[in-house]
All heavy atoms as atom14 arrays in JSON, in Angstrom:
{
  "sequence": "HRGIVEQIEPVQADVGGSEHFVVRGADGVLAG",
  "atom14_mask": [
    [1, 1, 1, 1, 1, 1, 1, 1, 1, 1, 0, 0, 0, 0],
    [1, 1, 1, 1, 1, 1, 1, 1, 1, 1, 1, 0, 0, 0],
    [1, 1, 1, 1, 0, 0, 0, 0, 0, 0, 0, 0, 0, 0],
    [1, 1, 1, 1, 1, 1, 1, 1, 0, 0, 0, 0, 0, 0],
    [1, 1, 1, 1, 1, 1, 1, 0, 0, 0, 0, 0, 0, 0],
    [1, 1, 1, 1, 1, 1, 1, 1, 1, 0, 0, 0, 0, 0],
    [1, 1, 1, 1, 1, 1, 1, 1, 1, 0, 0, 0, 0, 0],
    [1, 1, 1, 1, 1, 1, 1, 1, 0, 0, 0, 0, 0, 0],
    [1, 1, 1, 1, 1, 1, 1, 1, 1, 0, 0, 0, 0, 0],
    [1, 1, 1, 1, 1, 1, 1, 0, 0, 0, 0, 0, 0, 0],
    [1, 1, 1, 1, 1, 1, 1, 0, 0, 0, 0, 0, 0, 0],
    [1, 1, 1, 1, 1, 1, 1, 1, 1, 0, 0, 0, 0, 0],
    [1, 1, 1, 1, 1, 0, 0, 0, 0, 0, 0, 0, 0, 0],
    [1, 1, 1, 1, 1, 1, 1, 1, 0, 0, 0, 0, 0, 0],
    [1, 1, 1, 1, 1, 1, 1, 0, 0, 0, 0, 0, 0, 0],
    [1, 1, 1, 1, 0, 0, 0, 0, 0, 0, 0, 0, 0, 0],
    [1, 1, 1, 1, 0, 0, 0, 0, 0, 0, 0, 0, 0, 0],
    [1, 1, 1, 1, 1, 1, 0, 0, 0, 0, 0, 0, 0, 0],
    [1, 1, 1, 1, 1, 1, 1, 1, 1, 0, 0, 0, 0, 0],
    [1, 1, 1, 1, 1, 1, 1, 1, 1, 1, 0, 0, 0, 0],
    [1, 1, 1, 1, 1, 1, 1, 1, 1, 1, 1, 0, 0, 0],
    [1, 1, 1, 1, 1, 1, 1, 0, 0, 0, 0, 0, 0, 0],
    [1, 1, 1, 1, 1, 1, 1, 0, 0, 0, 0, 0, 0, 0],
    [1, 1, 1, 1, 1, 1, 1, 1, 1, 1, 1, 0, 0, 0],
    [1, 1, 1, 1, 0, 0, 0, 0, 0, 0, 0, 0, 0, 0],
    [1, 1, 1, 1, 1, 0, 0, 0, 0, 0, 0, 0, 0, 0],
    [1, 1, 1, 1, 1, 1, 1, 1, 0, 0, 0, 0, 0, 0],
    [1, 1, 1, 1, 0, 0, 0, 0, 0, 0, 0, 0, 0, 0],
    [1, 1, 1, 1, 1, 1, 1, 0, 0, 0, 0, 0, 0, 0],
    [1, 1, 1, 1, 1, 1, 1, 1, 0, 0, 0, 0, 0, 0],
    [1, 1, 1, 1, 1, 0, 0, 0, 0, 0, 0, 0, 0, 0],
    [1, 1, 1, 1, 0, 0, 0, 0, 0, 0, 0, 0, 0, 0]
  ],
  "atom14_positions": [
    [[-3.36, -5.97, -8.14], [-3.38, -4.62, -7.58], [-3.2, -3.55, -8.66], [-2.63, -3.8, -9.72], [-2.28, -4.45, -6.54], [-0.94, -4.08, -7.13], [-0.17, -4.97, -7.84], [-0.28, -2.91, -7.14], [0.93, -4.35, -8.26], [0.89, -3.11, -7.85], [0.0, 0.0, 0.0], [0.0, 0.0, 0.0], [0.0, 0.0, 0.0], [0.0, 0.0, 0.0]],
    [[-3.71, -2.37, -8.34], [-3.41, -1.18, -9.13], [-2.46, -0.32, -8.32], [-2.64, -0.14, -7.12], [-4.7, -0.38, -9.41], [-5.64, -1.08, -10.36], [-6.84, -0.19, -10.67], [-7.68, -0.04, -9.49], [-8.13, 1.12, -9.03], [-7.78, 2.24, -9.62], [-8.92, 1.18, -8.0], [0.0, 0.0, 0.0], [0.0, 0.0, 0.0], [0.0, 0.0, 0.0]],
    [[-1.45, 0.24, -8.94], [-0.49, 1.08, -8.25], [-1.12, 2.34, -7.71], [-2.19, 2.77, -8.14], [0.0, 0.0, 0.0], [0.0, 0.0, 0.0], [0.0, 0.0, 0.0], [0.0, 0.0, 0.0], [0.0, 0.0, 0.0], [0.0, 0.0, 0.0], [0.0, 0.0, 0.0], [0.0, 0.0, 0.0], [0.0, 0.0, 0.0], [0.0, 0.0, 0.0]],
    [[-0.46, 2.98, -6.76], [-1.0, 4.16, -6.1], [-1.34, 5.25, -7.1], [-2.39, 5.89, -7.02], [0.01, 4.68, -5.06], [0.24, 3.6, -3.98], [-0.47, 5.97, -4.42], [1.34, 3.93, -3.02], [0.0, 0.0, 0.0], [0.0, 0.0, 0.0], [0.0, 0.0, 0.0], [0.0, 0.0, 0.0], [0.0, 0.0, 0.0], [0.0, 0.0, 0.0]],
    [[-0.48, 5.46, -8.08], [-0.69, 6.57, -9.03], [-1.89, 6.31, -9.92], [-2.4, 7.24, -10.56], [0.56, 6.81, -9.89], [1.73, 7.24, -9.03], [0.91, 5.57, -10.69], [0.0, 0.0, 0.0], [0.0, 0.0, 0.0], [0.0, 0.0, 0.0], [0.0, 0.0, 0.0], [0.0, 0.0, 0.0], [0.0, 0.0, 0.0], [0.0, 0.0, 0.0]],
    [[-2.35, 5.06, -10.0], [-3.46, 4.73, -10.88], [-4.82, 4.87, -10.19], [-5.85, 4.74, -10.82], [-3.32, 3.3, -11.4], [-2.07, 3.07, -12.24], [-1.9, 1.6, -12.54], [-2.49, 1.12, -13.52], [-1.19, 0.93, -11.77], [0.0, 0.0, 0.0], [0.0, 0.0, 0.0], [0.0, 0.0, 0.0], [0.0, 0.0, 0.0], [0.0, 0.0, 0.0]],
    [[-4.82, 5.13, -8.89], [-6.06, 5.19, -8.16], [-6.77, 6.52, -8.4], [-6.14, 7.56, -8.53], [-5.81, 5.0, -6.67], [-5.28, 3.61, -6.36], [-5.08, 3.42, -4.88], [-6.01, 3.64, -4.13], [-3.89, 3.05, -4.49], [0.0, 0.0, 0.0], [0.0, 0.0, 0.0], [0.0, 0.0, 0.0], [0.0, 0.0, 0.0], [0.0, 0.0, 0.0]],
    [[-8.09, 6.45, -8.46], [-8.89, 7.64, -8.73], [-9.02, 8.5, -7.47], [-8.89, 9.72, -7.51], [-10.28, 7.23, -9.24], [-10.13, 6.46, -10.56], [-11.17, 8.45, -9.43], [-11.42, 5.85, -11.06], [0.0, 0.0, 0.0], [0.0, 0.0, 0.0], [0.0, 0.0, 0.0], [0.0, 0.0, 0.0], [0.0, 0.0, 0.0], [0.0, 0.0, 0.0]],
    [[-9.29, 7.85, -6.32], [-9.43, 8.57, -5.07], [-8.36, 8.09, -4.09], [-8.12, 6.9, -3.95], [-10.82, 8.31, -4.47], [-11.97, 8.75, -5.37], [-13.31, 8.4, -4.76], [-13.36, 8.17, -3.54], [-14.3, 8.37, -5.5], [0.0, 0.0, 0.0], [0.0, 0.0, 0.0], [0.0, 0.0, 0.0], [0.0, 0.0, 0.0], [0.0, 0.0, 0.0]],
    [[-7.71, 9.0, -3.37], [-6.64, 8.6, -2.47], [-7.1, 7.74, -1.3], [-6.3, 7.09, -0.65], [-6.08, 9.95, -1.97], [-7.19, 10.91, -2.18], [-7.92, 10.45, -3.41], [0.0, 0.0, 0.0], [0.0, 0.0, 0.0], [0.0, 0.0, 0.0], [0.0, 0.0, 0.0], [0.0, 0.0, 0.0], [0.0, 0.0, 0.0], [0.0, 0.0, 0.0]],
    [[-8.41, 7.72, -1.02], [-8.89, 6.91, 0.1], [-9.52, 5.6, -0.38], [-10.05, 4.86, 0.4], [-9.93, 7.69, 0.93], [-9.3, 8.89, 1.59], [-11.11, 8.1, 0.06], [0.0, 0.0, 0.0], [0.0, 0.0, 0.0], [0.0, 0.0, 0.0], [0.0, 0.0, 0.0], [0.0, 0.0, 0.0], [0.0, 0.0, 0.0], [0.0, 0.0, 0.0]],
    [[-9.46, 5.34, -1.64], [-10.06, 4.12, -2.2], [-9.02, 3.01, -2.21], [-7.91, 3.18, -2.7], [-10.55, 4.39, -3.62], [-11.14, 3.15, -4.3], [-11.59, 3.46, -5.72], [-11.8, 4.61, -6.05], [-11.7, 2.43, -6.53], [0.0, 0.0, 0.0], [0.0, 0.0, 0.0], [0.0, 0.0, 0.0], [0.0, 0.0, 0.0], [0.0, 0.0, 0.0]],
    [[-9.39, 1.86, -1.61], [-8.45, 0.74, -1.59], [-8.16, 0.29, -3.02], [-8.98, 0.44, -3.91], [-9.02, -0.41, -0.77], [0.0, 0.0, 0.0], [0.0, 0.0, 0.0], [0.0, 0.0, 0.0], [0.0, 0.0, 0.0], [0.0, 0.0, 0.0], [0.0, 0.0, 0.0], [0.0, 0.0, 0.0], [0.0, 0.0, 0.0], [0.0, 0.0, 0.0]],
    [[-6.97, -0.28, -3.24], [-6.54, -0.52, -4.61], [-7.31, -1.63, -5.31], [-7.55, -1.56, -6.49], [-5.03, -0.82, -4.66], [-4.63, -1.98, -3.78], [-5.33, -2.27, -2.79], [-3.62, -2.61, -4.07], [0.0, 0.0, 0.0], [0.0, 0.0, 0.0], [0.0, 0.0, 0.0], [0.0, 0.0, 0.0], [0.0, 0.0, 0.0], [0.0, 0.0, 0.0]],
    [[-7.7, -2.69, -4.6], [-8.45, -3.77, -5.24], [-9.57, -4.19, -4.31], [-9.34, -4.88, -3.32], [-7.54, -4.98, -5.55], [-8.37, -6.11, -6.14], [-6.44, -4.59, -6.51], [0.0, 0.0, 0.0], [0.0, 0.0, 0.0], [0.0, 0.0, 0.0], [0.0, 0.0, 0.0], [0.0, 0.0, 0.0], [0.0, 0.0, 0.0], [0.0, 0.0, 0.0]],
    [[-10.76, -3.75, -4.59], [-11.97, -4.24, -3.92], [-11.91, -4.3, -2.42], [-12.4, -5.25, -1.83], [0.0, 0.0, 0.0], [0.0, 0.0, 0.0], [0.0, 0.0, 0.0], [0.0, 0.0, 0.0], [0.0, 0.0, 0.0], [0.0, 0.0, 0.0], [0.0, 0.0, 0.0], [0.0, 0.0, 0.0], [0.0, 0.0, 0.0], [0.0, 0.0, 0.0]],
    [[-11.34, -3.33, -1.77], [-11.34, -3.3, -0.31], [-10.1, -3.87, 0.34], [-10.19, -4.6, 1.32], [0.0, 0.0, 0.0], [0.0, 0.0, 0.0], [0.0, 0.0, 0.0], [0.0, 0.0, 0.0], [0.0, 0.0, 0.0], [0.0, 0.0, 0.0], [0.0, 0.0, 0.0], [0.0, 0.0, 0.0], [0.0, 0.0, 0.0], [0.0, 0.0, 0.0]],
    [[-8.93, -3.56, -0.19], [-7.67, -3.99, 0.42], [-6.94, -2.79, 1.02], [-6.84, -1.74, 0.39], [-6.74, -4.64, -0.62], [-7.2, -5.91, -0.98], [0.0, 0.0, 0.0], [0.0, 0.0, 0.0], [0.0, 0.0, 0.0], [0.0, 0.0, 0.0], [0.0, 0.0, 0.0], [0.0, 0.0, 0.0], [0.0, 0.0, 0.0], [0.0, 0.0, 0.0]],
    [[-6.45, -2.95, 2.23], [-5.55, -1.98, 2.84], [-4.31, -2.73, 3.32], [-4.38, -3.92, 3.64], [-6.23, -1.25, 4.0], [-7.43, -0.42, 3.55], [-8.12, 0.33, 4.68], [-7.52, 0.42, 5.78], [-9.25, 0.82, 4.48], [0.0, 0.0, 0.0], [0.0, 0.0, 0.0], [0.0, 0.0, 0.0], [0.0, 0.0, 0.0], [0.0, 0.0, 0.0]],
    [[-3.19, -2.02, 3.37], [-1.91, -2.67, 3.62], [-1.15, -1.94, 4.74], [-1.09, -0.71, 4.75], [-1.04, -2.66, 2.36], [-1.79, -3.06, 1.12], [-1.87, -4.36, 0.67], [-2.52, -2.32, 0.22], [-2.6, -4.41, -0.44], [-3.0, -3.19, -0.72], [0.0, 0.0, 0.0], [0.0, 0.0, 0.0], [0.0, 0.0, 0.0], [0.0, 0.0, 0.0]],
    [[-0.58, -2.71, 5.65], [0.23, -2.17, 6.73], [1.64, -2.74, 6.56], [1.84, -3.96, 6.57], [-0.35, -2.56, 8.09], [-1.71, -1.97, 8.33], [-2.85, -2.54, 7.77], [-1.86, -0.84, 9.12], [-4.11, -1.99, 7.98], [-3.12, -0.28, 9.35], [-4.24, -0.86, 8.77], [0.0, 0.0, 0.0], [0.0, 0.0, 0.0], [0.0, 0.0, 0.0]],
    [[2.6, -1.83, 6.38], [3.97, -2.21, 6.03], [4.93, -1.77, 7.13], [4.91, -0.61, 7.54], [4.37, -1.56, 4.68], [5.82, -1.87, 4.34], [3.43, -2.03, 3.56], [0.0, 0.0, 0.0], [0.0, 0.0, 0.0], [0.0, 0.0, 0.0], [0.0, 0.0, 0.0], [0.0, 0.0, 0.0], [0.0, 0.0, 0.0], [0.0, 0.0, 0.0]],
    [[5.74, -2.7, 7.61], [6.74, -2.39, 8.62], [8.13, -2.58, 8.02], [8.43, -3.66, 7.49], [6.59, -3.28, 9.87], [7.69, -2.95, 10.89], [5.22, -3.1, 10.5], [0.0, 0.0, 0.0], [0.0, 0.0, 0.0], [0.0, 0.0, 0.0], [0.0, 0.0, 0.0], [0.0, 0.0, 0.0], [0.0, 0.0, 0.0], [0.0, 0.0, 0.0]],
    [[8.95, -1.54, 8.12], [10.32, -1.6, 7.63], [11.3, -1.35, 8.77], [11.01, -0.59, 9.71], [10.55, -0.57, 6.52], [9.72, -0.84, 5.27], [10.11, 0.08, 4.12], [9.29, -0.2, 2.94], [9.55, -1.17, 2.06], [10.62, -1.94, 2.25], [8.76, -1.38, 1.02], [0.0, 0.0, 0.0], [0.0, 0.0, 0.0], [0.0, 0.0, 0.0]],
    [[12.47, -2.01, 8.68], [13.52, -1.78, 9.64], [14.26, -0.49, 9.34], [13.97, 0.2, 8.35], [0.0, 0.0, 0.0], [0.0, 0.0, 0.0], [0.0, 0.0, 0.0], [0.0, 0.0, 0.0], [0.0, 0.0, 0.0], [0.0, 0.0, 0.0], [0.0, 0.0, 0.0], [0.0, 0.0, 0.0], [0.0, 0.0, 0.0], [0.0, 0.0, 0.0]],
    [[15.25, -0.17, 10.19], [16.03, 1.06, 10.0], [16.75, 1.07, 8.67], [17.03, 2.14, 8.11], [17.02, 1.21, 11.15], [0.0, 0.0, 0.0], [0.0, 0.0, 0.0], [0.0, 0.0, 0.0], [0.0, 0.0, 0.0], [0.0, 0.0, 0.0], [0.0, 0.0, 0.0], [0.0, 0.0, 0.0], [0.0, 0.0, 0.0], [0.0, 0.0, 0.0]],
    [[17.04, -0.12, 8.13], [17.73, -0.22, 6.85], [16.76, -0.19, 5.67], [17.17, -0.31, 4.51], [18.55, -1.51, 6.78], [17.73, -2.77, 7.07], [16.49, -2.64, 7.27], [18.31, -3.87, 7.1], [0.0, 0.0, 0.0], [0.0, 0.0, 0.0], [0.0, 0.0, 0.0], [0.0, 0.0, 0.0], [0.0, 0.0, 0.0], [0.0, 0.0, 0.0]],
    [[15.47, -0.02, 5.94], [14.47, 0.05, 4.89], [13.96, -1.29, 4.4], [13.09, -1.34, 3.54], [0.0, 0.0, 0.0], [0.0, 0.0, 0.0], [0.0, 0.0, 0.0], [0.0, 0.0, 0.0], [0.0, 0.0, 0.0], [0.0, 0.0, 0.0], [0.0, 0.0, 0.0], [0.0, 0.0, 0.0], [0.0, 0.0, 0.0], [0.0, 0.0, 0.0]],
    [[14.49, -2.37, 4.95], [14.09, -3.71, 4.52], [12.72, -4.06, 5.1], [12.42, -3.77, 6.27], [15.14, -4.76, 4.94], [14.65, -6.17, 4.64], [16.45, -4.5, 4.23], [0.0, 0.0, 0.0], [0.0, 0.0, 0.0], [0.0, 0.0, 0.0], [0.0, 0.0, 0.0], [0.0, 0.0, 0.0], [0.0, 0.0, 0.0], [0.0, 0.0, 0.0]],
    [[11.86, -4.69, 4.28], [10.53, -5.09, 4.74], [10.65, -6.15, 5.82], [11.22, -7.22, 5.61], [9.73, -5.64, 3.55], [8.28, -6.04, 3.84], [7.45, -4.83, 4.23], [7.67, -6.73, 2.62], [0.0, 0.0, 0.0], [0.0, 0.0, 0.0], [0.0, 0.0, 0.0], [0.0, 0.0, 0.0], [0.0, 0.0, 0.0], [0.0, 0.0, 0.0]],
    [[10.1, -5.85, 7.0], [10.19, -6.76, 8.14], [8.85, -7.38, 8.5], [8.8, -8.45, 9.11], [10.76, -6.03, 9.35], [0.0, 0.0, 0.0], [0.0, 0.0, 0.0], [0.0, 0.0, 0.0], [0.0, 0.0, 0.0], [0.0, 0.0, 0.0], [0.0, 0.0, 0.0], [0.0, 0.0, 0.0], [0.0, 0.0, 0.0], [0.0, 0.0, 0.0]],
    [[7.76, -6.7, 8.16], [6.44, -7.22, 8.5], [5.38, -6.64, 7.59], [5.56, -5.56, 7.01], [0.0, 0.0, 0.0], [0.0, 0.0, 0.0], [0.0, 0.0, 0.0], [0.0, 0.0, 0.0], [0.0, 0.0, 0.0], [0.0, 0.0, 0.0], [0.0, 0.0, 0.0], [0.0, 0.0, 0.0], [0.0, 0.0, 0.0], [0.0, 0.0, 0.0]]
  ]
}
């Protein structure tokens, strides 16, 4: 992956067409 700050366009997926859905709990811990 390339980090967010390294991307040229904000709508361009980071590596060849990847999008990510992140779920965090109230404590900020990654849950899904």
